[in-house]
Amino acid sequence: MAGQLYRDLAPDMKARDRRLRVLAVGPERADLAVEHDLGGPVGRKTHASIARLRSSAFELIEDATDADPQYLAVLAAVTDVHQPDATPADYARAALHAIRRAAQ
């Protein structure tokens, strides 16, 4: 998803703490911008395959969804009902109520 920030965990990049921001996502690859790199140029554009981004070669460290008010409301609602005996319906009901409250 555009806006996500990944840490490159390749052996030669890990020590450099190289971080890449997703600019755009296509069917097979994502366009990225280097936001942080202790040993290389920042601002340079690159790309990676979607499959590689989802692999252990990268670590997702920031997701734009995390700051969405609806996401936070659903997360709080699901957390409230989370118990050993909670059913999928309990979670769905809590999420639906949170979404409806947020939409008002």
C-alpha atoms as a PDB file:
ATOM      1  CA  MET A   1       0.000   0.000   0.000  1.00  0.00           C
ATOM      2  CA  ALA A   2       1.283   3.463  -0.831  1.00  0.00           C
ATOM      3  CA  GLY A   3       2.687   5.255   2.204  1.00  0.00           C
ATOM      4  CA  GLN A   4       4.059   2.192   3.978  1.00  0.00           C
ATOM      5  CA  LEU A   5       7.627   2.341   5.256  1.00  0.00           C
ATOM      6  CA  TYR A   6       9.867  -0.740   5.143  1.00  0.00           C
ATOM      7  CA  ARG A   7      13.298  -1.539   6.550  1.00  0.00           C
ATOM      8  CA  ASP A   8      15.541  -3.397   4.108  1.00  0.00           C
ATOM      9  CA  LEU A   9      16.831  -6.511   5.903  1.00  0.00           C
ATOM     10  CA  ALA A  10      19.252  -7.640   3.193  1.00  0.00           C
ATOM     11  CA  PRO A  11      22.599  -8.534   4.797  1.00  0.00           C
ATOM     12  CA  ASP A  12      24.389  -5.624   3.106  1.00  0.00           C
ATOM     13  CA  MET A  13      21.628  -3.125   3.976  1.00  0.00           C
ATOM     14  CA  LYS A  14      20.691  -4.067   7.541  1.00  0.00           C
ATOM     15  CA  ALA A  15      23.639  -2.258   9.160  1.00  0.00           C
ATOM     16  CA  ARG A  16      22.897   0.806   7.036  1.00  0.00           C
ATOM     17  CA  ASP A  17      19.339   0.953   8.444  1.00  0.00           C
ATOM     18  CA  ARG A  18      18.030   1.501   4.930  1.00  0.00           C
ATOM     19  CA  ARG A  19      14.346   2.491   4.923  1.00  0.00           C
ATOM     20  CA  LEU A  20      12.138   2.624   1.861  1.00  0.00           C
ATOM     21  CA  ARG A  21       8.776   4.410   1.469  1.00  0.00           C
ATOM     22  CA  VAL A  22       6.226   2.922  -0.957  1.00  0.00           C
ATOM     23  CA  LEU A  23       5.250   5.537  -3.537  1.00  0.00           C
ATOM     24  CA  ALA A  24       2.995   3.435  -5.766  1.00  0.00           C
ATOM     25  CA  VAL A  25       1.981  -0.180  -6.110  1.00  0.00           C
ATOM     26  CA  GLY A  26       1.535  -1.939  -9.425  1.00  0.00           C
ATOM     27  CA  PRO A  27       0.393  -5.477 -10.167  1.00  0.00           C
ATOM     28  CA  GLU A  28       3.846  -6.993  -9.664  1.00  0.00           C
ATOM     29  CA  ARG A  29       6.126  -4.331  -8.189  1.00  0.00           C
ATOM     30  CA  ALA A  30       6.181  -1.293  -5.955  1.00  0.00           C
ATOM     31  CA  ASP A  31       7.929   1.995  -6.633  1.00  0.00           C
ATOM     32  CA  LEU A  32       9.966   3.057  -3.611  1.00  0.00           C
ATOM     33  CA  ALA A  33      11.912   6.060  -2.361  1.00  0.00           C
ATOM     34  CA  VAL A  34      14.921   5.745  -0.066  1.00  0.00           C
ATOM     35  CA  GLU A  35      14.064   7.752   3.078  1.00  0.00           C
ATOM     36  CA  HIS A  36      17.003   6.759   5.263  1.00  0.00           C
ATOM     37  CA  ASP A  37      20.325   5.135   4.437  1.00  0.00           C
ATOM     38  CA  LEU A  38      23.457   5.530   6.547  1.00  0.00           C
ATOM     39  CA  GLY A  39      25.677   4.540   3.635  1.00  0.00           C
ATOM     40  CA  GLY A  40      23.895   5.761   0.546  1.00  0.00           C
ATOM     41  CA  PRO A  41      21.882   8.515  -1.079  1.00  0.00           C
ATOM     42  CA  VAL A  42      18.514   9.491   0.367  1.00  0.00           C
ATOM     43  CA  GLY A  43      15.708  10.460  -2.003  1.00  0.00           C
ATOM     44  CA  ARG A  44      16.765   8.043  -4.721  1.00  0.00           C
ATOM     45  CA  LYS A  45      13.933   6.072  -6.296  1.00  0.00           C
ATOM     46  CA  THR A  46      14.009   2.314  -6.700  1.00  0.00           C
ATOM     47  CA  HIS A  47      11.557  -0.571  -6.912  1.00  0.00           C
ATOM     48  CA  ALA A  48      10.949  -4.046  -5.506  1.00  0.00           C
ATOM     49  CA  SER A  49       8.657  -6.896  -6.389  1.00  0.00           C
ATOM     50  CA  ILE A  50       5.494  -7.196  -4.286  1.00  0.00           C
ATOM     51  CA  ALA A  51       6.465 -10.768  -3.384  1.00  0.00           C
ATOM     52  CA  ARG A  52       9.847  -9.611  -2.082  1.00  0.00           C
ATOM     53  CA  LEU A  53       8.306  -6.780  -0.031  1.00  0.00           C
ATOM     54  CA  ARG A  54       6.043  -9.322   1.669  1.00  0.00           C
ATOM     55  CA  SER A  55       8.953 -11.674   2.396  1.00  0.00           C
ATOM     56  CA  SER A  56      11.390 -11.696   5.287  1.00  0.00           C
ATOM     57  CA  ALA A  57      13.708  -9.507   3.191  1.00  0.00           C
ATOM     58  CA  PHE A  58      11.801  -6.436   4.428  1.00  0.00           C
ATOM     59  CA  GLU A  59      10.222  -5.388   7.714  1.00  0.00           C
ATOM     60  CA  LEU A  60       7.109  -3.208   7.707  1.00  0.00           C
ATOM     61  CA  ILE A  61       7.789  -0.463  10.249  1.00  0.00           C
ATOM     62  CA  GLU A  62       5.081   2.090   9.454  1.00  0.00           C
ATOM     63  CA  ASP A  63       1.666   1.727   7.905  1.00  0.00           C
ATOM     64  CA  ALA A  64      -0.537   4.723   7.068  1.00  0.00           C
ATOM     65  CA  THR A  65      -3.585   2.715   8.177  1.00  0.00           C
ATOM     66  CA  ASP A  66      -2.338   2.780  11.780  1.00  0.00           C
ATOM     67  CA  ALA A  67      -3.280   6.457  12.133  1.00  0.00           C
ATOM     68  CA  ASP A  68      -6.737   6.186  10.537  1.00  0.00           C
ATOM     69  CA  PRO A  69      -9.379   7.096  13.167  1.00  0.00           C
ATOM     70  CA  GLN A  70     -11.702   4.304  12.006  1.00  0.00           C
ATOM     71  CA  TYR A  71      -8.916   1.743  12.314  1.00  0.00           C
ATOM     72  CA  LEU A  72      -8.130   2.927  15.828  1.00  0.00           C
ATOM     73  CA  ALA A  73     -11.837   2.796  16.798  1.00  0.00           C
ATOM     74  CA  VAL A  74     -12.178  -0.766  15.464  1.00  0.00           C
ATOM     75  CA  LEU A  75      -8.957  -1.826  17.194  1.00  0.00           C
ATOM     76  CA  ALA A  76     -10.219  -0.431  20.529  1.00  0.00           C
ATOM     77  CA  ALA A  77     -13.608  -2.140  20.113  1.00  0.00           C
ATOM     78  CA  VAL A  78     -12.066  -5.500  19.262  1.00  0.00           C
ATOM     79  CA  THR A  79      -9.682  -5.168  22.205  1.00  0.00           C
ATOM     80  CA  ASP A  80     -12.647  -4.558  24.529  1.00  0.00           C
ATOM     81  CA  VAL A  81     -14.343  -7.849  23.572  1.00  0.00           C
ATOM     82  CA  HIS A  82     -11.179  -9.933  23.372  1.00  0.00           C
ATOM     83  CA  GLN A  83     -11.466 -12.809  25.858  1.00  0.00           C
ATOM     84  CA  PRO A  84     -10.749 -16.534  25.696  1.00  0.00           C
ATOM     85  CA  ASP A  85     -14.435 -17.262  25.029  1.00  0.00           C
ATOM     86  CA  ALA A  86     -14.984 -14.485  22.437  1.00  0.00           C
ATOM     87  CA  THR A  87     -16.524 -15.678  19.179  1.00  0.00           C
ATOM     88  CA  PRO A  88     -15.957 -14.334  15.662  1.00  0.00           C
ATOM     89  CA  ALA A  89     -19.458 -12.831  15.888  1.00  0.00           C
ATOM     90  CA  ASP A  90     -18.418 -10.887  19.013  1.00  0.00           C
ATOM     91  CA  TYR A  91     -15.484  -9.353  17.142  1.00  0.00           C
ATOM     92  CA  ALA A  92     -17.583  -8.594  14.055  1.00  0.00           C
ATOM     93  CA  ARG A  93     -20.324  -6.996  16.143  1.00  0.00           C
ATOM     94  CA  ALA A  94     -17.831  -4.826  18.019  1.00  0.00           C
ATOM     95  CA  ALA A  95     -16.169  -3.744  14.777  1.00  0.00           C
ATOM     96  CA  LEU A  96     -19.492  -2.936  13.118  1.00  0.00           C
ATOM     97  CA  HIS A  97     -20.618  -0.816  16.088  1.00  0.00           C
ATOM     98  CA  ALA A  98     -17.304   1.060  16.071  1.00  0.00           C
ATOM     99  CA  ILE A  99     -17.542   1.765  12.344  1.00  0.00           C
ATOM    100  CA  ARG A 100     -21.123   2.999  12.695  1.00  0.00           C
ATOM    101  CA  ARG A 101     -20.177   5.302  15.603  1.00  0.00           C
ATOM    102  CA  ALA A 102     -17.232   6.698  13.663  1.00  0.00           C
ATOM    103  CA  ALA A 103     -19.431   7.393  10.626  1.00  0.00           C
ATOM    104  CA  GLN A 104     -21.933   9.486  12.636  1.00  0.00           C
END
